[in-house]
Amino acid sequence: MDALVEATLKHGLIPLVVMEFPGITVGGGFSGTSGESSSFRYGAFDTTINSIEIVLADGTIANASKTEKPDLFWGAASAFGTLGVVTLLEVQLKDAKKYVELTYHLSTSPSESVKEIQEQCGKAENDFIDGIVYSMDSTVICVGRLVDELPNGSKARHFTRRQDRWFYLHVEQVQKNLKKNPSETVTDYIFIVDYIFRYDRAGFWVAKYAFKYFLTPLNRVTRYILDPFLRTRVMYSAGHKSGLFEYYMVQDVGVPYETVDEFQTWLHEQHNIYPLWLCPLRLQRDTPDSGHGLHSEFSKAGTPDLLNFGIWGPIVGNRRDAIQSNRALEQKVEACGGKKWLYAQAYYTEDDFWRLYDRESYDALRSKYSAGYLLSVYDKVKVDVEAGHEAAMLSTVRTHWPIQGLKGVYKALAGGDYLLQKKSDNAVSKQSGGTHQQKQPMT
């Protein structure tokens, strides 16, 4: 996404939805399910695509759009490459501005958060809405508006340089200030690129678990020194290659607003994982003939908006416990009338999976476009639960602390992820006006 943003900003434009990590690709955002803080208005990233070029399983190159082969277009969205490989996309853009004016609102309960989010979603002047849950009784809703000018006496903030405070830590301090002075309004002005990629450093807040794992103090000095390893391109690669994420809950799930209180209470009682990310999502597809693929029901009139929960944190126990916890989460989301986004591993049985996603539409498209011998989307995202149970019984030195973590760091470095991150840092530096490498006091 960093390359796309760099290219569009040269023309004073920005995509309608920009995923929060620089390394997420445009094709990956379409073929998976991706949303961000502008999705309350525009929906998931795939709804902001006008057309695609796709290489089908038989080698045929096809073009599809919302009006030309709409079944293939919508079928390929969120299909994870199981209908073909998307090679070209036309992305909708809008006018960009220099800054995001970000105002913070403190809520003290899930129901209060829902009320605030729905109220802010109804205001036409808002461009971005998300939230960070720090506890059951403390959530900060972040509401952004694009602006070109700063008020007199204001300075714009950065969040992408190594000396900058991590965004979630900054919001945590805002939360404390709002608790002391509830009547005050706190507003920041943030360079647009720094806002878009504000969660890249620390991977939202997942990096804090790396500090805990390696028994390293988390402070501004250690964050500065270790910054190249704590950006998403390197950190998530290390997490996957080490196998540590097999002991985590790494899930994005959406539930209707009327069941948010029930779901968040269950999550608190079962796991007590904090922070959590909140992101309102518009699901309704407005274009005709869009009822195709895994999420064909999104074309139905009256499709409700969902509130997405980003749940990222370690599970107490072994691999079996992690599997059971993730499975219980999937069951609770279903009970609350919600949806799970499939970028993360799925712990469903095959029957359970196809009860939740439109197999009839999906299989018809796979047959029509000669993709039947490719892996199905279930095969691509499922977890081998039986193998997981066996792994829980076979503990070796490679899975013991700190060997597993060191293995991930080594593989990330050996695989060149660190060099990719340096290239990304340089691109973000240019987009932020070349200030990325300036020496300034750490915050």
Protein backbone atom coordinates (compact mmCIF):
# COMPACT_ATOMS: atom_id res chain seq x y z
CA MET A 1 0.00 0.00 0.00
CA ASP A 2 2.90 2.38 0.58
CA ALA A 3 3.80 2.33 -3.13
CA LEU A 4 0.19 3.03 -4.14
CA VAL A 5 -0.14 5.90 -1.66
CA GLU A 6 3.18 7.37 -2.80
CA ALA A 7 2.03 7.27 -6.44
CA THR A 8 -1.42 8.76 -5.84
CA LEU A 9 -0.27 11.54 -3.51
CA LYS A 10 1.92 12.89 -6.30
CA HIS A 11 -1.36 13.77 -7.99
CA GLY A 12 -3.08 15.01 -4.85
CA LEU A 13 -5.21 11.87 -4.58
CA ILE A 14 -5.70 9.01 -2.12
CA PRO A 15 -7.55 5.66 -2.32
CA LEU A 16 -10.96 5.58 -0.65
CA VAL A 17 -9.78 2.81 1.68
CA VAL A 18 -6.11 2.32 2.57
CA MET A 19 -5.08 -0.69 4.61
CA GLU A 20 -3.08 0.26 7.69
CA PHE A 21 0.08 -1.75 6.94
CA PRO A 22 2.43 -0.58 4.14
CA GLY A 23 3.22 -4.15 3.05
CA ILE A 24 -0.36 -5.18 2.28
CA THR A 25 -0.70 -5.40 -1.49
CA VAL A 26 -3.54 -4.02 -3.57
CA GLY A 27 -4.28 -7.49 -4.96
CA GLY A 28 -4.16 -8.99 -1.48
CA GLY A 29 -6.58 -6.38 -0.20
CA PHE A 30 -9.03 -7.29 -2.95
CA SER A 31 -8.59 -11.06 -2.86
CA GLY A 32 -8.80 -11.06 0.93
CA THR A 33 -11.11 -8.96 3.06
CA SER A 34 -9.62 -5.63 4.10
CA GLY A 35 -11.16 -2.67 5.87
CA GLU A 36 -9.91 0.44 7.57
CA SER A 37 -11.15 3.53 9.35
CA SER A 38 -12.84 4.89 6.19
CA SER A 39 -14.81 1.65 5.74
CA PHE A 40 -17.76 3.01 7.73
CA ARG A 41 -18.54 4.99 4.58
CA TYR A 42 -16.98 3.10 1.66
CA GLY A 43 -17.08 -0.51 2.84
CA ALA A 44 -14.28 -3.04 2.45
CA PHE A 45 -11.42 -2.38 0.06
CA ASP A 46 -12.90 -4.62 -2.67
CA THR A 47 -15.96 -2.36 -2.99
CA THR A 48 -13.66 0.54 -3.96
CA ILE A 49 -12.26 -1.35 -6.96
CA ASN A 50 -13.80 -0.56 -10.35
CA SER A 51 -12.39 -3.45 -12.38
CA ILE A 52 -9.83 -6.24 -12.39
CA GLU A 53 -7.74 -8.27 -14.79
CA ILE A 54 -7.51 -11.89 -13.69
CA VAL A 55 -5.61 -14.91 -15.00
CA LEU A 56 -8.01 -17.83 -14.71
CA ALA A 57 -7.00 -21.36 -13.79
CA ASP A 58 -6.94 -22.46 -17.45
CA GLY A 59 -4.60 -19.61 -18.39
CA THR A 60 -7.29 -17.38 -19.88
CA ILE A 61 -6.89 -13.66 -19.17
CA ALA A 62 -10.24 -12.10 -18.31
CA ASN A 63 -11.43 -8.63 -17.44
CA ALA A 64 -14.22 -8.16 -14.93
CA SER A 65 -15.93 -5.21 -13.30
CA LYS A 66 -19.12 -4.29 -11.50
CA THR A 67 -20.85 -4.13 -14.90
CA GLU A 68 -18.81 -6.58 -17.06
CA LYS A 69 -18.77 -10.15 -15.74
CA PRO A 70 -19.93 -8.96 -12.31
CA ASP A 71 -20.19 -12.56 -11.14
CA LEU A 72 -16.45 -13.03 -11.68
CA PHE A 73 -15.64 -9.64 -10.17
CA TRP A 74 -17.54 -10.21 -6.94
CA GLY A 75 -16.63 -13.90 -6.87
CA ALA A 76 -12.92 -13.08 -6.96
CA ALA A 77 -13.32 -10.61 -4.09
CA SER A 78 -12.35 -12.35 -0.84
CA ALA A 79 -11.73 -15.63 -2.71
CA PHE A 80 -8.02 -15.69 -1.83
CA GLY A 81 -6.92 -16.49 -5.37
CA THR A 82 -9.08 -19.61 -5.67
CA LEU A 83 -10.77 -18.41 -8.88
CA GLY A 84 -7.56 -17.12 -10.44
CA VAL A 85 -4.74 -14.65 -9.96
CA VAL A 86 -5.66 -10.96 -10.05
CA THR A 87 -2.98 -9.08 -11.99
CA LEU A 88 -4.43 -5.59 -12.52
CA LEU A 89 -6.91 -3.45 -10.59
CA GLU A 90 -8.51 -0.06 -11.14
CA VAL A 91 -8.75 1.67 -7.76
CA GLN A 92 -11.15 4.49 -6.94
CA LEU A 93 -9.44 7.64 -5.64
CA LYS A 94 -10.50 10.88 -4.01
CA ASP A 95 -8.89 14.24 -3.31
CA ALA A 96 -6.26 14.07 -0.61
CA LYS A 97 -5.34 16.75 1.89
CA LYS A 98 -2.18 17.41 3.85
CA TYR A 99 -3.40 16.47 7.30
CA VAL A 100 -5.93 14.51 9.28
CA GLU A 101 -7.63 16.36 12.12
CA LEU A 102 -8.12 13.61 14.70
CA THR A 103 -10.43 14.15 17.66
CA TYR A 104 -10.62 11.68 20.54
CA HIS A 105 -13.80 10.72 22.41
CA LEU A 106 -13.72 8.70 25.64
CA SER A 107 -16.46 6.16 26.35
CA THR A 108 -16.86 4.14 29.53
CA SER A 109 -18.89 1.12 28.38
CA PRO A 110 -19.52 -0.94 25.23
CA SER A 111 -23.00 0.55 24.83
CA GLU A 112 -21.59 4.07 25.10
CA SER A 113 -18.97 3.21 22.47
CA VAL A 114 -21.67 1.95 20.11
CA LYS A 115 -23.71 5.12 20.60
CA GLU A 116 -20.70 7.35 19.93
CA ILE A 117 -19.58 5.39 16.87
CA GLN A 118 -23.04 5.34 15.31
CA GLU A 119 -23.45 9.06 15.94
CA GLN A 120 -20.09 9.84 14.33
CA CYS A 121 -20.81 7.54 11.37
CA GLY A 122 -23.88 9.66 10.64
CA LYS A 123 -21.90 12.88 10.23
CA ALA A 124 -21.08 13.65 6.61
CA GLU A 125 -17.98 15.66 7.50
CA ASN A 126 -16.16 12.68 9.06
CA ASP A 127 -13.65 10.78 6.92
CA PHE A 128 -12.22 8.24 9.38
CA ILE A 129 -13.56 6.44 12.46
CA ASP A 130 -11.97 3.74 14.60
CA GLY A 131 -11.38 3.05 18.27
CA ILE A 132 -9.03 1.44 20.78
CA VAL A 133 -10.45 -0.47 23.75
CA TYR A 134 -8.11 -0.36 26.75
CA SER A 135 -10.51 -2.01 29.21
CA MET A 136 -14.21 -2.76 29.57
CA ASP A 137 -14.78 0.73 30.95
CA SER A 138 -12.35 2.74 28.82
CA THR A 139 -12.45 3.08 25.03
CA VAL A 140 -11.14 5.93 22.90
CA ILE A 141 -13.03 6.61 19.66
CA CYS A 142 -10.82 8.37 17.08
CA VAL A 143 -12.66 10.54 14.55
CA GLY A 144 -10.71 11.99 11.63
CA ARG A 145 -11.33 14.67 9.02
CA LEU A 146 -9.12 15.61 6.09
CA VAL A 147 -7.84 19.19 6.27
CA ASP A 148 -5.31 21.30 4.38
CA GLU A 149 -4.56 23.94 6.99
CA LEU A 150 -3.41 23.90 10.59
CA PRO A 151 -4.93 26.22 13.20
CA ASN A 152 -2.62 28.97 14.40
CA GLY A 153 -0.15 27.63 16.91
CA SER A 154 -0.71 23.97 15.99
CA LYS A 155 1.94 21.54 14.81
CA ALA A 156 1.37 18.35 12.86
CA ARG A 157 2.35 15.05 14.44
CA HIS A 158 4.35 12.16 13.04
CA PHE A 159 3.88 8.50 13.94
CA THR A 160 6.07 6.76 11.34
CA ARG A 161 9.57 7.80 12.45
CA ARG A 162 11.61 5.67 14.84
CA GLN A 163 11.71 8.46 17.44
CA ASP A 164 7.93 8.86 17.48
CA ARG A 165 5.74 7.38 20.17
CA TRP A 166 3.71 4.40 19.00
CA PHE A 167 0.24 5.53 18.08
CA TYR A 168 -1.59 3.31 20.56
CA LEU A 169 0.67 4.58 23.38
CA HIS A 170 -0.10 8.15 22.38
CA VAL A 171 -3.84 7.42 22.45
CA GLU A 172 -3.41 5.72 25.81
CA GLN A 173 -1.98 8.96 27.19
CA VAL A 174 -4.89 10.87 25.64
CA GLN A 175 -7.22 8.45 27.42
CA LYS A 176 -5.60 9.26 30.78
CA ASN A 177 -5.91 12.99 30.12
CA LEU A 178 -9.58 12.65 29.18
CA LYS A 179 -10.27 10.71 32.36
CA LYS A 180 -8.81 13.54 34.41
CA ASN A 181 -10.66 16.22 32.46
CA PRO A 182 -13.78 14.66 30.87
CA SER A 183 -15.09 18.00 29.61
CA GLU A 184 -11.99 18.73 27.53
CA THR A 185 -11.66 18.04 23.80
CA VAL A 186 -8.37 16.59 22.57
CA THR A 187 -7.53 17.02 18.89
CA ASP A 188 -4.34 16.20 16.97
CA TYR A 189 -3.26 17.20 13.49
CA ILE A 190 -1.38 14.38 11.78
CA PHE A 191 0.43 14.28 8.45
CA ILE A 192 -1.77 12.20 6.16
CA VAL A 193 0.78 9.43 5.52
CA ASP A 194 1.55 9.19 9.21
CA TYR A 195 -2.16 8.80 9.90
CA ILE A 196 -2.66 6.16 7.21
CA PHE A 197 0.24 4.02 8.44
CA ARG A 198 -0.05 4.96 12.13
CA TYR A 199 -0.31 1.33 13.20
CA ASP A 200 2.68 0.03 11.21
CA ARG A 201 5.14 0.60 14.02
CA ALA A 202 4.32 -1.97 16.72
CA GLY A 203 1.79 -3.70 14.45
CA PHE A 204 -1.04 -1.92 16.27
CA TRP A 205 0.33 -3.09 19.68
CA VAL A 206 1.46 -6.65 19.02
CA ALA A 207 5.10 -5.57 19.46
CA LYS A 208 4.53 -5.13 23.17
CA TYR A 209 4.24 -8.91 23.44
CA ALA A 210 7.68 -9.27 21.83
CA PHE A 211 9.18 -7.10 24.57
CA LYS A 212 7.47 -9.24 27.17
CA TYR A 213 8.59 -12.47 25.49
CA PHE A 214 12.25 -11.43 25.40
CA LEU A 215 12.10 -9.91 28.92
CA THR A 216 13.05 -6.50 27.51
CA PRO A 217 11.92 -3.22 29.06
CA LEU A 218 9.47 -1.28 26.89
CA ASN A 219 10.51 2.37 26.85
CA ARG A 220 11.38 5.10 24.37
CA VAL A 221 15.05 4.03 24.20
CA THR A 222 14.36 0.37 23.44
CA ARG A 223 11.62 1.32 20.98
CA TYR A 224 14.09 3.58 19.17
CA ILE A 225 16.91 1.02 19.04
CA LEU A 226 14.71 -1.90 17.97
CA ASP A 227 12.44 0.07 15.63
CA PRO A 228 13.52 -1.68 12.38
CA PHE A 229 12.42 -5.01 13.86
CA LEU A 230 9.09 -3.70 15.17
CA ARG A 231 7.43 -2.75 11.92
CA THR A 232 4.91 -5.05 10.38
CA ARG A 233 6.92 -6.35 7.43
CA VAL A 234 9.58 -7.79 9.72
CA MET A 235 7.60 -8.44 12.88
CA TYR A 236 4.73 -10.42 11.36
CA SER A 237 7.14 -12.42 9.23
CA ALA A 238 9.10 -13.34 12.35
CA GLY A 239 5.92 -14.23 14.22
CA HIS A 240 4.75 -16.61 11.51
CA LYS A 241 8.16 -18.16 10.80
CA SER A 242 8.81 -18.79 14.47
CA GLY A 243 5.43 -20.45 14.99
CA LEU A 244 4.68 -18.13 17.91
CA PHE A 245 1.45 -16.94 16.30
CA GLU A 246 0.14 -20.50 16.63
CA TYR A 247 -0.22 -19.67 20.32
CA TYR A 248 -2.00 -16.37 19.68
CA MET A 249 -5.45 -15.19 18.89
CA VAL A 250 -5.04 -13.17 15.69
CA GLN A 251 -8.57 -12.50 14.50
CA ASP A 252 -10.75 -9.79 12.99
CA VAL A 253 -14.45 -10.37 13.48
CA GLY A 254 -17.51 -8.20 12.99
CA VAL A 255 -20.73 -8.30 15.00
CA PRO A 256 -23.96 -6.29 14.64
CA TYR A 257 -24.22 -3.24 16.88
CA GLU A 258 -27.02 -4.79 18.93
CA THR A 259 -24.74 -7.65 20.07
CA VAL A 260 -21.57 -5.63 20.69
CA ASP A 261 -22.15 -5.47 24.45
CA GLU A 262 -22.73 -9.22 24.67
CA PHE A 263 -19.69 -10.05 22.53
CA GLN A 264 -17.29 -7.67 24.26
CA THR A 265 -18.39 -8.90 27.70
CA TRP A 266 -17.79 -12.51 26.63
CA LEU A 267 -14.38 -11.59 25.21
CA HIS A 268 -13.42 -9.85 28.45
CA GLU A 269 -14.53 -12.74 30.64
CA GLN A 270 -12.94 -15.43 28.50
CA HIS A 271 -9.64 -13.85 27.47
CA ASN A 272 -9.12 -10.37 28.93
CA ILE A 273 -6.98 -9.41 25.90
CA TYR A 274 -6.34 -5.67 25.63
CA PRO A 275 -6.10 -3.43 23.73
CA LEU A 276 -8.76 -4.27 21.15
CA TRP A 277 -9.34 -2.47 17.87
CA LEU A 278 -12.80 -1.24 16.85
CA CYS A 279 -13.64 -0.37 13.25
CA PRO A 280 -17.17 0.22 11.90
CA LEU A 281 -17.78 -1.51 8.57
CA ARG A 282 -20.38 -0.84 5.92
CA LEU A 283 -21.25 -4.14 4.21
CA GLN A 284 -24.10 -3.20 1.85
CA ARG A 285 -23.15 -3.54 -1.83
CA ASP A 286 -24.97 -0.86 -3.80
CA THR A 287 -24.29 -1.98 -7.37
CA PRO A 288 -26.73 -4.21 -9.28
CA ASP A 289 -25.95 -7.91 -9.75
CA SER A 290 -23.45 -8.04 -6.88
CA GLY A 291 -24.85 -11.15 -5.17
CA HIS A 292 -22.00 -13.49 -6.03
CA GLY A 293 -19.21 -15.29 -4.21
CA LEU A 294 -18.59 -16.08 -0.56
CA HIS A 295 -20.32 -12.93 0.66
CA SER A 296 -23.21 -12.85 -1.79
CA GLU A 297 -25.60 -11.84 1.02
CA PHE A 298 -23.96 -8.40 1.18
CA SER A 299 -26.01 -7.49 -1.91
CA LYS A 300 -29.30 -7.81 -0.03
CA ALA A 301 -31.18 -4.64 0.85
CA GLY A 302 -30.87 -3.78 4.51
CA THR A 303 -27.59 -5.62 5.08
CA PRO A 304 -26.59 -4.38 8.55
CA ASP A 305 -23.34 -2.62 9.32
CA LEU A 306 -20.97 -4.44 11.65
CA LEU A 307 -18.51 -3.30 14.28
CA ASN A 308 -15.19 -5.03 13.69
CA PHE A 309 -13.12 -6.23 16.63
CA GLY A 310 -9.39 -6.69 16.06
CA ILE A 311 -8.27 -9.26 18.63
CA TRP A 312 -4.52 -9.83 18.71
CA GLY A 313 -2.77 -11.35 21.68
CA PRO A 314 -1.28 -14.51 23.23
CA ILE A 315 -3.43 -17.33 24.56
CA VAL A 316 -2.64 -18.80 27.96
CA GLY A 317 -1.72 -22.48 27.57
CA ASN A 318 -0.46 -24.78 24.83
CA ARG A 319 -1.37 -25.24 21.17
CA ARG A 320 -4.49 -27.24 22.07
CA ASP A 321 -5.67 -24.37 24.27
CA ALA A 322 -5.05 -21.89 21.44
CA ILE A 323 -7.10 -24.00 19.03
CA GLN A 324 -9.96 -24.35 21.49
CA SER A 325 -9.95 -20.61 22.25
CA ASN A 326 -10.05 -19.65 18.58
CA ARG A 327 -12.79 -22.19 17.93
CA ALA A 328 -14.84 -20.81 20.81
CA LEU A 329 -14.42 -17.31 19.36
CA GLU A 330 -15.76 -18.44 16.00
CA GLN A 331 -18.77 -20.00 17.69
CA LYS A 332 -19.48 -16.86 19.71
CA VAL A 333 -19.27 -14.64 16.63
CA GLU A 334 -21.80 -16.88 14.89
CA ALA A 335 -24.08 -16.80 17.93
CA CYS A 336 -23.94 -12.99 17.88
CA GLY A 337 -24.92 -12.89 14.20
CA GLY A 338 -21.48 -11.75 13.10
CA LYS A 339 -18.87 -12.54 10.48
CA LYS A 340 -15.25 -13.59 10.67
CA TRP A 341 -12.83 -12.23 8.08
CA LEU A 342 -10.71 -14.96 6.58
CA TYR A 343 -7.28 -13.34 6.42
CA ALA A 344 -6.63 -15.23 9.66
CA GLN A 345 -6.66 -18.99 10.00
CA ALA A 346 -10.04 -20.68 10.26
CA TYR A 347 -10.71 -23.33 12.88
CA TYR A 348 -14.13 -24.31 11.51
CA THR A 349 -15.02 -27.81 10.45
CA GLU A 350 -15.79 -27.87 6.74
CA ASP A 351 -19.51 -28.24 7.37
CA ASP A 352 -19.51 -25.30 9.79
CA PHE A 353 -17.55 -23.17 7.33
CA TRP A 354 -19.92 -23.68 4.43
CA ARG A 355 -22.91 -23.04 6.63
CA LEU A 356 -21.59 -19.49 7.08
CA TYR A 357 -20.31 -18.72 3.57
CA ASP A 358 -22.17 -19.12 0.28
CA ARG A 359 -20.87 -22.39 -1.11
CA GLU A 360 -23.52 -22.65 -3.83
CA SER A 361 -22.52 -19.35 -5.42
CA TYR A 362 -18.81 -19.97 -4.91
CA ASP A 363 -18.82 -23.49 -6.38
CA ALA A 364 -20.91 -22.37 -9.36
CA LEU A 365 -18.30 -19.75 -10.17
CA ARG A 366 -15.45 -22.22 -9.76
CA SER A 367 -17.17 -24.53 -12.23
CA LYS A 368 -17.98 -21.75 -14.70
CA TYR A 369 -14.44 -20.37 -14.72
CA SER A 370 -12.59 -23.73 -14.69
CA ALA A 371 -11.14 -23.33 -11.21
CA GLY A 372 -12.42 -26.58 -9.72
CA TYR A 373 -8.99 -28.18 -9.47
CA LEU A 374 -7.49 -25.28 -7.51
CA LEU A 375 -7.55 -25.38 -3.73
CA SER A 376 -10.83 -24.15 -2.32
CA VAL A 377 -10.91 -21.14 -0.03
CA TYR A 378 -11.64 -23.46 2.90
CA ASP A 379 -8.55 -25.53 2.09
CA LYS A 380 -6.45 -22.35 1.98
CA VAL A 381 -7.55 -20.87 5.31
CA LYS A 382 -8.30 -23.92 7.46
CA VAL A 383 -6.17 -25.07 10.37
CA ASP A 384 -5.25 -28.73 10.60
CA VAL A 385 -6.72 -29.16 14.06
CA GLU A 386 -5.60 -32.78 14.46
CA ALA A 387 -2.01 -31.83 13.66
CA GLY A 388 -2.33 -29.03 16.18
CA HIS A 389 -3.38 -31.49 18.88
CA GLU A 390 -0.43 -33.72 18.03
CA ALA A 391 1.93 -30.74 18.16
CA ALA A 392 0.67 -29.89 21.63
CA MET A 393 1.89 -33.28 22.79
CA LEU A 394 5.30 -33.05 21.12
CA SER A 395 7.22 -30.32 22.88
CA THR A 396 10.87 -30.01 21.84
CA VAL A 397 13.66 -27.58 22.52
CA ARG A 398 12.70 -25.68 19.36
CA THR A 399 9.38 -24.67 20.93
CA HIS A 400 10.88 -23.59 24.25
CA TRP A 401 11.65 -20.04 25.29
CA PRO A 402 13.56 -18.22 23.85
CA ILE A 403 14.53 -20.55 21.00
CA GLN A 404 11.26 -20.13 19.13
CA GLY A 405 11.43 -16.33 19.17
CA LEU A 406 15.09 -16.23 18.14
CA LYS A 407 14.28 -18.60 15.29
CA GLY A 408 11.70 -16.16 13.96
CA VAL A 409 14.07 -13.19 14.16
CA TYR A 410 16.80 -15.14 12.37
CA LYS A 411 14.51 -16.27 9.56
CA ALA A 412 13.10 -12.78 9.07
CA LEU A 413 16.61 -11.37 8.72
CA ALA A 414 17.88 -14.23 6.57
CA GLY A 415 14.86 -13.92 4.31
CA GLY A 416 15.53 -10.25 3.57
CA ASP A 417 12.48 -8.85 5.38
CA TYR A 418 14.70 -6.32 7.12
CA LEU A 419 15.87 -4.96 3.77
CA LEU A 420 12.27 -4.70 2.54
CA GLN A 421 11.46 -2.71 5.67
CA LYS A 422 14.32 -0.26 5.04
CA LYS A 423 13.03 0.32 1.51
CA SER A 424 9.54 0.95 2.90
CA ASP A 425 10.91 3.40 5.47
CA ASN A 426 12.55 5.43 2.71
CA ALA A 427 9.29 5.56 0.74
CA VAL A 428 7.33 6.74 3.78
CA SER A 429 10.04 9.31 4.48
CA LYS A 430 9.53 10.87 1.05
CA GLN A 431 5.75 10.94 1.49
CA SER A 432 6.13 12.66 4.86
CA GLY A 433 8.12 15.48 3.34
CA GLY A 434 11.53 13.94 3.81
CA THR A 435 11.46 14.35 7.57
CA HIS A 436 11.65 10.68 8.39
CA GLN A 437 15.36 10.78 9.24
CA GLN A 438 15.47 14.11 11.03
CA LYS A 439 17.01 13.98 14.50
CA GLN A 440 14.40 15.06 17.01
CA PRO A 441 13.76 14.23 20.65
CA MET A 442 12.04 10.90 21.20
CA THR A 443 8.48 11.10 22.53
